[in-house]
């Protein structure tokens, strides 16, 4: 299958861009214990974005994997997970802040170490939001791909170490034109004492047309309604 675009994200790197509807986005961890934090927005209307509570509630889950979809706050299907070698991607841990990064890994100033300074998710996301006409008020819950975070009966969350092996992959399918904002920064619950440095490759490929019999559509009635809402939006926009 022809690769439309590819990029490798190294330690602390960020990126934003629109990936049109009907594309596969294949993420590959090029090391152990990778974490790619991601935000998603409707490319035509940034006020519509990935909604973590509705996504989890509708699909009766705490995490995301193959067969799940990412729903927007308008009840539409935004992204489907069509392949997954891991089986669990974190939805609840959020992203790192400057204070947390300095506390865990030591104070890091660009003025002293230049491009080797340790970036955080909050700053990366805010910069990319501003590049797309938004600001920090538009920050929302991310998906932390390649990370597994569990919760016990008391609600204590635990980061599962050594969960993501080398060359673990997850493939997304865009159901609408989507603004991706990506940050290769650590999971906030990762107990590693040293700032993780795991490259992640992103590849964009064409996707086959989605049919009403697609496994992600049929995963549950809530998913089917979300797809129908997305299909209606595009049918009326022609």
C-alpha atoms as a PDB file:
ATOM      1  CA  UNK A   1       0.000   0.000   0.000  1.00  0.00           C
ATOM      2  CA  UNK A   2       1.351   3.414  -0.948  1.00  0.00           C
ATOM      3  CA  UNK A   3       2.545   5.606   1.910  1.00  0.00           C
ATOM      4  CA  UNK A   4       1.289   9.174   1.435  1.00  0.00           C
ATOM      5  CA  UNK A   5       3.428  10.743   4.148  1.00  0.00           C
ATOM      6  CA  UNK A   6       5.726   9.622   6.937  1.00  0.00           C
ATOM      7  CA  UNK A   7       7.569  11.289   9.795  1.00  0.00           C
ATOM      8  CA  UNK A   8       9.554  10.059  12.789  1.00  0.00           C
ATOM      9  CA  UNK A   9       9.079  11.946  16.056  1.00  0.00           C
ATOM     10  CA  UNK A  10      12.043  11.958  18.423  1.00  0.00           C
ATOM     11  CA  UNK A  11      12.187  12.815  22.133  1.00  0.00           C
ATOM     12  CA  UNK A  12       9.945  15.752  22.976  1.00  0.00           C
ATOM     13  CA  UNK A  13       8.959  16.571  19.395  1.00  0.00           C
ATOM     14  CA  UNK A  14       5.529  17.929  18.513  1.00  0.00           C
ATOM     15  CA  UNK A  15       3.478  18.318  15.328  1.00  0.00           C
ATOM     16  CA  UNK A  16       0.072  19.391  14.110  1.00  0.00           C
ATOM     17  CA  UNK A  17      -1.622  18.924  10.766  1.00  0.00           C
ATOM     18  CA  UNK A  18      -4.876  18.027   9.050  1.00  0.00           C
ATOM     19  CA  UNK A  19      -5.312  14.451   7.899  1.00  0.00           C
ATOM     20  CA  UNK A  20      -8.273  14.139   5.603  1.00  0.00           C
ATOM     21  CA  UNK A  21     -11.114  11.683   5.870  1.00  0.00           C
ATOM     22  CA  UNK A  22     -10.463   8.166   4.581  1.00  0.00           C
ATOM     23  CA  UNK A  23      -6.852   7.770   5.637  1.00  0.00           C
ATOM     24  CA  UNK A  24      -4.991   5.199   7.712  1.00  0.00           C
ATOM     25  CA  UNK A  25      -2.566   6.589  10.269  1.00  0.00           C
ATOM     26  CA  UNK A  26      -0.114   3.905  11.383  1.00  0.00           C
ATOM     27  CA  UNK A  27       1.858   4.587  14.562  1.00  0.00           C
ATOM     28  CA  UNK A  28       4.954   2.489  15.291  1.00  0.00           C
ATOM     29  CA  UNK A  29       6.991   2.544  18.496  1.00  0.00           C
ATOM     30  CA  UNK A  30      10.704   2.443  17.672  1.00  0.00           C
ATOM     31  CA  UNK A  31      11.663   1.473  21.211  1.00  0.00           C
ATOM     32  CA  UNK A  32      10.320   0.103  24.486  1.00  0.00           C
ATOM     33  CA  UNK A  33       7.775   2.037  26.583  1.00  0.00           C
ATOM     34  CA  UNK A  34       6.873   4.643  23.991  1.00  0.00           C
ATOM     35  CA  UNK A  35       4.157   7.219  24.628  1.00  0.00           C
ATOM     36  CA  UNK A  36       2.547   9.456  22.034  1.00  0.00           C
ATOM     37  CA  UNK A  37       0.066  11.967  23.444  1.00  0.00           C
ATOM     38  CA  UNK A  38      -2.539  13.103  20.920  1.00  0.00           C
ATOM     39  CA  UNK A  39      -5.365  15.636  20.658  1.00  0.00           C
ATOM     40  CA  UNK A  40      -7.952  15.598  17.861  1.00  0.00           C
ATOM     41  CA  UNK A  41     -10.222  18.334  16.431  1.00  0.00           C
ATOM     42  CA  UNK A  42     -12.674  18.577  13.536  1.00  0.00           C
ATOM     43  CA  UNK A  43     -10.579  20.250  10.829  1.00  0.00           C
ATOM     44  CA  UNK A  44     -13.511  22.409   9.663  1.00  0.00           C
ATOM     45  CA  UNK A  45     -14.819  23.337  13.115  1.00  0.00           C
ATOM     46  CA  UNK A  46     -12.303  23.286  15.953  1.00  0.00           C
ATOM     47  CA  UNK A  47     -15.075  23.629  18.539  1.00  0.00           C
ATOM     48  CA  UNK A  48     -15.866  19.971  17.808  1.00  0.00           C
ATOM     49  CA  UNK A  49     -13.194  17.699  19.205  1.00  0.00           C
ATOM     50  CA  UNK A  50     -12.497  14.249  20.641  1.00  0.00           C
ATOM     51  CA  UNK A  51     -14.582  13.755  23.768  1.00  0.00           C
ATOM     52  CA  UNK A  52     -13.031  11.295  26.199  1.00  0.00           C
ATOM     53  CA  UNK A  53     -16.007  10.840  28.593  1.00  0.00           C
ATOM     54  CA  UNK A  54     -18.523  10.173  25.812  1.00  0.00           C
ATOM     55  CA  UNK A  55     -16.109   7.847  23.997  1.00  0.00           C
ATOM     56  CA  UNK A  56     -15.535   5.694  27.057  1.00  0.00           C
ATOM     57  CA  UNK A  57     -19.108   5.766  28.351  1.00  0.00           C
ATOM     58  CA  UNK A  58     -20.691   4.842  25.014  1.00  0.00           C
ATOM     59  CA  UNK A  59     -18.336   1.897  24.499  1.00  0.00           C
ATOM     60  CA  UNK A  60     -18.305   0.755  28.146  1.00  0.00           C
ATOM     61  CA  UNK A  61     -14.521   0.866  28.396  1.00  0.00           C
ATOM     62  CA  UNK A  62     -11.649   2.477  30.304  1.00  0.00           C
ATOM     63  CA  UNK A  63      -9.120   2.262  27.469  1.00  0.00           C
ATOM     64  CA  UNK A  64      -9.004   2.104  23.674  1.00  0.00           C
ATOM     65  CA  UNK A  65      -8.050  -0.703  21.287  1.00  0.00           C
ATOM     66  CA  UNK A  66      -9.024  -2.284  17.968  1.00  0.00           C
ATOM     67  CA  UNK A  67     -12.739  -1.924  17.253  1.00  0.00           C
ATOM     68  CA  UNK A  68     -13.129   1.221  19.349  1.00  0.00           C
ATOM     69  CA  UNK A  69     -13.775   4.657  17.909  1.00  0.00           C
ATOM     70  CA  UNK A  70     -13.009   8.152  19.118  1.00  0.00           C
ATOM     71  CA  UNK A  71     -16.251  10.137  19.348  1.00  0.00           C
ATOM     72  CA  UNK A  72     -16.636  13.903  19.230  1.00  0.00           C
ATOM     73  CA  UNK A  73     -18.672  16.024  21.599  1.00  0.00           C
ATOM     74  CA  UNK A  74     -21.297  16.204  18.826  1.00  0.00           C
ATOM     75  CA  UNK A  75     -21.766  12.439  18.899  1.00  0.00           C
ATOM     76  CA  UNK A  76     -19.913  11.761  15.660  1.00  0.00           C
ATOM     77  CA  UNK A  77     -17.346   9.116  14.762  1.00  0.00           C
ATOM     78  CA  UNK A  78     -14.026  10.911  14.305  1.00  0.00           C
ATOM     79  CA  UNK A  79     -11.390   8.157  14.287  1.00  0.00           C
ATOM     80  CA  UNK A  80     -11.531   4.357  14.340  1.00  0.00           C
ATOM     81  CA  UNK A  81      -8.870   1.993  15.627  1.00  0.00           C
ATOM     82  CA  UNK A  82      -8.617  -0.678  12.945  1.00  0.00           C
ATOM     83  CA  UNK A  83      -5.427  -2.513  13.957  1.00  0.00           C
ATOM     84  CA  UNK A  84      -3.609  -2.793  17.277  1.00  0.00           C
ATOM     85  CA  UNK A  85      -0.746  -5.053  18.348  1.00  0.00           C
ATOM     86  CA  UNK A  86      -1.045  -4.030  22.017  1.00  0.00           C
ATOM     87  CA  UNK A  87      -4.693  -4.054  23.072  1.00  0.00           C
ATOM     88  CA  UNK A  88      -4.646  -1.079  25.454  1.00  0.00           C
ATOM     89  CA  UNK A  89      -4.062   2.651  25.013  1.00  0.00           C
ATOM     90  CA  UNK A  90      -4.395   5.062  27.926  1.00  0.00           C
ATOM     91  CA  UNK A  91      -7.211   7.612  27.928  1.00  0.00           C
ATOM     92  CA  UNK A  92      -7.235   8.978  31.470  1.00  0.00           C
ATOM     93  CA  UNK A  93      -3.723  10.055  32.522  1.00  0.00           C
ATOM     94  CA  UNK A  94      -3.598  13.379  30.697  1.00  0.00           C
ATOM     95  CA  UNK A  95      -0.318  15.021  29.669  1.00  0.00           C
ATOM     96  CA  UNK A  96       2.823  16.239  31.403  1.00  0.00           C
ATOM     97  CA  UNK A  97       3.166  19.823  32.680  1.00  0.00           C
ATOM     98  CA  UNK A  98       6.282  21.953  33.094  1.00  0.00           C
ATOM     99  CA  UNK A  99       6.168  21.598  36.876  1.00  0.00           C
ATOM    100  CA  UNK A 100       5.822  17.802  36.701  1.00  0.00           C
ATOM    101  CA  UNK A 101       8.604  17.479  34.129  1.00  0.00           C
ATOM    102  CA  UNK A 102      11.024  19.592  36.177  1.00  0.00           C
ATOM    103  CA  UNK A 103      10.137  17.710  39.363  1.00  0.00           C
ATOM    104  CA  UNK A 104      10.623  14.239  37.854  1.00  0.00           C
ATOM    105  CA  UNK A 105      13.563  14.784  35.529  1.00  0.00           C
ATOM    106  CA  UNK A 106      15.278  17.928  36.787  1.00  0.00           C
ATOM    107  CA  UNK A 107      14.937  21.543  35.743  1.00  0.00           C
ATOM    108  CA  UNK A 108      15.587  22.021  32.053  1.00  0.00           C
ATOM    109  CA  UNK A 109      16.001  25.418  30.385  1.00  0.00           C
ATOM    110  CA  UNK A 110      16.281  26.014  26.659  1.00  0.00           C
ATOM    111  CA  UNK A 111      18.653  28.904  27.327  1.00  0.00           C
ATOM    112  CA  UNK A 112      21.150  26.438  28.835  1.00  0.00           C
ATOM    113  CA  UNK A 113      20.816  23.222  26.841  1.00  0.00           C
ATOM    114  CA  UNK A 114      19.115  24.468  23.653  1.00  0.00           C
ATOM    115  CA  UNK A 115      17.349  21.698  21.749  1.00  0.00           C
ATOM    116  CA  UNK A 116      18.180  19.122  24.434  1.00  0.00           C
ATOM    117  CA  UNK A 117      15.786  20.716  26.909  1.00  0.00           C
ATOM    118  CA  UNK A 118      13.018  18.444  28.193  1.00  0.00           C
ATOM    119  CA  UNK A 119       9.666  19.350  26.699  1.00  0.00           C
ATOM    120  CA  UNK A 120       6.273  18.725  28.287  1.00  0.00           C
ATOM    121  CA  UNK A 121       2.929  17.837  26.759  1.00  0.00           C
ATOM    122  CA  UNK A 122       1.103  20.929  27.976  1.00  0.00           C
ATOM    123  CA  UNK A 123       3.577  23.334  26.367  1.00  0.00           C
ATOM    124  CA  UNK A 124       3.777  21.311  23.152  1.00  0.00           C
ATOM    125  CA  UNK A 125       0.004  21.174  22.817  1.00  0.00           C
ATOM    126  CA  UNK A 126      -0.450  24.863  23.612  1.00  0.00           C
ATOM    127  CA  UNK A 127       2.071  25.919  20.963  1.00  0.00           C
ATOM    128  CA  UNK A 128       0.401  23.784  18.295  1.00  0.00           C
ATOM    129  CA  UNK A 129      -3.061  24.969  19.316  1.00  0.00           C
ATOM    130  CA  UNK A 130      -1.946  28.561  18.821  1.00  0.00           C
ATOM    131  CA  UNK A 131      -0.591  27.701  15.390  1.00  0.00           C
ATOM    132  CA  UNK A 132      -4.091  26.528  14.498  1.00  0.00           C
ATOM    133  CA  UNK A 133      -6.006  29.547  15.787  1.00  0.00           C
ATOM    134  CA  UNK A 134      -6.747  28.207  19.273  1.00  0.00           C
ATOM    135  CA  UNK A 135      -5.154  28.601  22.693  1.00  0.00           C
ATOM    136  CA  UNK A 136      -4.738  26.894  26.066  1.00  0.00           C
ATOM    137  CA  UNK A 137      -8.487  27.104  26.696  1.00  0.00           C
ATOM    138  CA  UNK A 138      -8.892  24.498  23.944  1.00  0.00           C
ATOM    139  CA  UNK A 139      -6.790  21.882  25.724  1.00  0.00           C
ATOM    140  CA  UNK A 140      -8.731  18.691  26.323  1.00  0.00           C
ATOM    141  CA  UNK A 141      -8.086  15.096  27.370  1.00  0.00           C
ATOM    142  CA  UNK A 142      -5.560  13.331  25.116  1.00  0.00           C
ATOM    143  CA  UNK A 143      -5.108   9.731  24.114  1.00  0.00           C
ATOM    144  CA  UNK A 144      -1.744   8.322  25.227  1.00  0.00           C
ATOM    145  CA  UNK A 145      -0.952   5.749  22.581  1.00  0.00           C
ATOM    146  CA  UNK A 146       1.321   2.821  23.583  1.00  0.00           C
ATOM    147  CA  UNK A 147       0.750   3.355  27.341  1.00  0.00           C
ATOM    148  CA  UNK A 148      -1.253   1.097  29.656  1.00  0.00           C
ATOM    149  CA  UNK A 149      -2.620   2.537  32.891  1.00  0.00           C
ATOM    150  CA  UNK A 150      -4.811   0.379  35.131  1.00  0.00           C
ATOM    151  CA  UNK A 151      -7.065   1.243  38.043  1.00  0.00           C
ATOM    152  CA  UNK A 152      -7.805  -0.802  41.166  1.00  0.00           C
ATOM    153  CA  UNK A 153     -11.037  -0.966  43.167  1.00  0.00           C
ATOM    154  CA  UNK A 154     -10.035   2.145  45.130  1.00  0.00           C
ATOM    155  CA  UNK A 155      -9.403   4.132  41.957  1.00  0.00           C
ATOM    156  CA  UNK A 156      -5.614   4.145  42.252  1.00  0.00           C
ATOM    157  CA  UNK A 157      -4.057   4.302  38.795  1.00  0.00           C
ATOM    158  CA  UNK A 158      -0.879   2.380  37.950  1.00  0.00           C
ATOM    159  CA  UNK A 159       1.388   2.705  34.920  1.00  0.00           C
ATOM    160  CA  UNK A 160       2.292  -0.722  33.534  1.00  0.00           C
ATOM    161  CA  UNK A 161       6.043  -0.785  32.898  1.00  0.00           C
ATOM    162  CA  UNK A 162       7.571  -2.578  29.891  1.00  0.00           C
ATOM    163  CA  UNK A 163       4.124  -2.868  28.307  1.00  0.00           C
ATOM    164  CA  UNK A 164       5.049  -1.459  24.901  1.00  0.00           C
ATOM    165  CA  UNK A 165       7.682  -3.504  23.013  1.00  0.00           C
ATOM    166  CA  UNK A 166       9.839  -2.413  20.102  1.00  0.00           C
ATOM    167  CA  UNK A 167       7.817  -2.024  16.885  1.00  0.00           C
ATOM    168  CA  UNK A 168       4.413  -2.139  18.574  1.00  0.00           C
ATOM    169  CA  UNK A 169       1.852  -0.654  16.186  1.00  0.00           C
ATOM    170  CA  UNK A 170      -1.617   0.848  16.217  1.00  0.00           C
ATOM    171  CA  UNK A 171      -3.475   1.946  13.093  1.00  0.00           C
ATOM    172  CA  UNK A 172      -6.126   4.652  13.101  1.00  0.00           C
ATOM    173  CA  UNK A 173      -8.647   5.459  10.367  1.00  0.00           C
ATOM    174  CA  UNK A 174      -9.936   8.996   9.945  1.00  0.00           C
ATOM    175  CA  UNK A 175     -13.729   9.151   9.637  1.00  0.00           C
ATOM    176  CA  UNK A 176     -13.710  12.943   9.198  1.00  0.00           C
ATOM    177  CA  UNK A 177     -11.136  15.548   8.221  1.00  0.00           C
ATOM    178  CA  UNK A 178      -9.196  15.742  11.476  1.00  0.00           C
ATOM    179  CA  UNK A 179      -6.631  18.099  12.955  1.00  0.00           C
ATOM    180  CA  UNK A 180      -4.041  15.950  14.721  1.00  0.00           C
ATOM    181  CA  UNK A 181      -1.866  17.465  17.447  1.00  0.00           C
ATOM    182  CA  UNK A 182       0.893  15.069  18.516  1.00  0.00           C
ATOM    183  CA  UNK A 183       3.443  15.254  21.335  1.00  0.00           C
ATOM    184  CA  UNK A 184       6.166  12.659  21.905  1.00  0.00           C
ATOM    185  CA  UNK A 185       6.377  13.324  25.630  1.00  0.00           C
ATOM    186  CA  UNK A 186       6.197  10.929  28.613  1.00  0.00           C
ATOM    187  CA  UNK A 187       3.035   9.583  30.152  1.00  0.00           C
ATOM    188  CA  UNK A 188       2.535  11.545  33.407  1.00  0.00           C
ATOM    189  CA  UNK A 189       2.402   8.303  35.418  1.00  0.00           C
ATOM    190  CA  UNK A 190       5.549   6.765  33.914  1.00  0.00           C
ATOM    191  CA  UNK A 191       7.820   6.104  36.943  1.00  0.00           C
ATOM    192  CA  UNK A 192      11.056   6.181  34.881  1.00  0.00           C
ATOM    193  CA  UNK A 193      13.695   8.358  36.539  1.00  0.00           C
ATOM    194  CA  UNK A 194      15.202   9.397  33.211  1.00  0.00           C
ATOM    195  CA  UNK A 195      13.192  11.245  30.573  1.00  0.00           C
ATOM    196  CA  UNK A 196      12.061   8.579  28.066  1.00  0.00           C
ATOM    197  CA  UNK A 197      13.605   8.893  24.614  1.00  0.00           C
ATOM    198  CA  UNK A 198      11.640   6.611  22.290  1.00  0.00           C
ATOM    199  CA  UNK A 199      11.174   7.594  18.621  1.00  0.00           C
ATOM    200  CA  UNK A 200       7.749   7.020  17.083  1.00  0.00           C
ATOM    201  CA  UNK A 201       7.088   6.673  13.364  1.00  0.00           C
ATOM    202  CA  UNK A 202       3.855   7.996  11.869  1.00  0.00           C
ATOM    203  CA  UNK A 203       2.744   6.876   8.407  1.00  0.00           C
ATOM    204  CA  UNK A 204      -0.333   8.042   6.492  1.00  0.00           C
ATOM    205  CA  UNK A 205      -1.834   5.679   3.915  1.00  0.00           C
ATOM    206  CA  UNK A 206      -5.086   5.487   1.923  1.00  0.00           C
ATOM    207  CA  UNK A 207      -7.959   3.573   3.529  1.00  0.00           C
ATOM    208  CA  UNK A 208     -10.603   1.436   1.887  1.00  0.00           C
ATOM    209  CA  UNK A 209     -14.149   2.860   1.942  1.00  0.00           C
ATOM    210  CA  UNK A 210     -16.091   2.186   5.141  1.00  0.00           C
ATOM    211  CA  UNK A 211     -19.247   0.102   4.840  1.00  0.00           C
ATOM    212  CA  UNK A 212     -22.152  -0.412   7.273  1.00  0.00           C
ATOM    213  CA  UNK A 213     -20.688  -3.882   7.965  1.00  0.00           C
ATOM    214  CA  UNK A 214     -17.345  -2.525   9.170  1.00  0.00           C
ATOM    215  CA  UNK A 215     -16.331  -4.055  12.551  1.00  0.00           C
ATOM    216  CA  UNK A 216     -15.942  -0.630  14.149  1.00  0.00           C
ATOM    217  CA  UNK A 217     -19.442   0.339  13.003  1.00  0.00           C
ATOM    218  CA  UNK A 218     -20.951  -2.870  14.362  1.00  0.00           C
ATOM    219  CA  UNK A 219     -18.982  -2.875  17.627  1.00  0.00           C
ATOM    220  CA  UNK A 220     -21.997  -1.491  19.531  1.00  0.00           C
ATOM    221  CA  UNK A 221     -25.207   0.451  18.758  1.00  0.00           C
ATOM    222  CA  UNK A 222     -23.624   3.680  20.015  1.00  0.00           C
ATOM    223  CA  UNK A 223     -20.846   3.338  17.442  1.00  0.00           C
ATOM    224  CA  UNK A 224     -23.339   2.787  14.645  1.00  0.00           C
ATOM    225  CA  UNK A 225     -25.221   5.965  15.571  1.00  0.00           C
ATOM    226  CA  UNK A 226     -21.954   7.914  15.721  1.00  0.00           C
ATOM    227  CA  UNK A 227     -21.008   6.747  12.222  1.00  0.00           C
ATOM    228  CA  UNK A 228     -24.449   7.630  10.911  1.00  0.00           C
ATOM    229  CA  UNK A 229     -24.073  11.131  12.352  1.00  0.00           C
ATOM    230  CA  UNK A 230     -20.738  11.529  10.548  1.00  0.00           C
ATOM    231  CA  UNK A 231     -22.099  10.151   7.281  1.00  0.00           C
ATOM    232  CA  UNK A 232     -25.088  12.528   7.505  1.00  0.00           C
ATOM    233  CA  UNK A 233     -22.757  15.492   8.008  1.00  0.00           C
ATOM    234  CA  UNK A 234     -20.812  14.702   4.849  1.00  0.00           C
ATOM    235  CA  UNK A 235     -23.926  13.831   2.815  1.00  0.00           C
ATOM    236  CA  UNK A 236     -25.471  17.238   3.624  1.00  0.00           C
ATOM    237  CA  UNK A 237     -22.216  19.081   2.893  1.00  0.00           C
ATOM    238  CA  UNK A 238     -22.007  17.908  -0.730  1.00  0.00           C
END
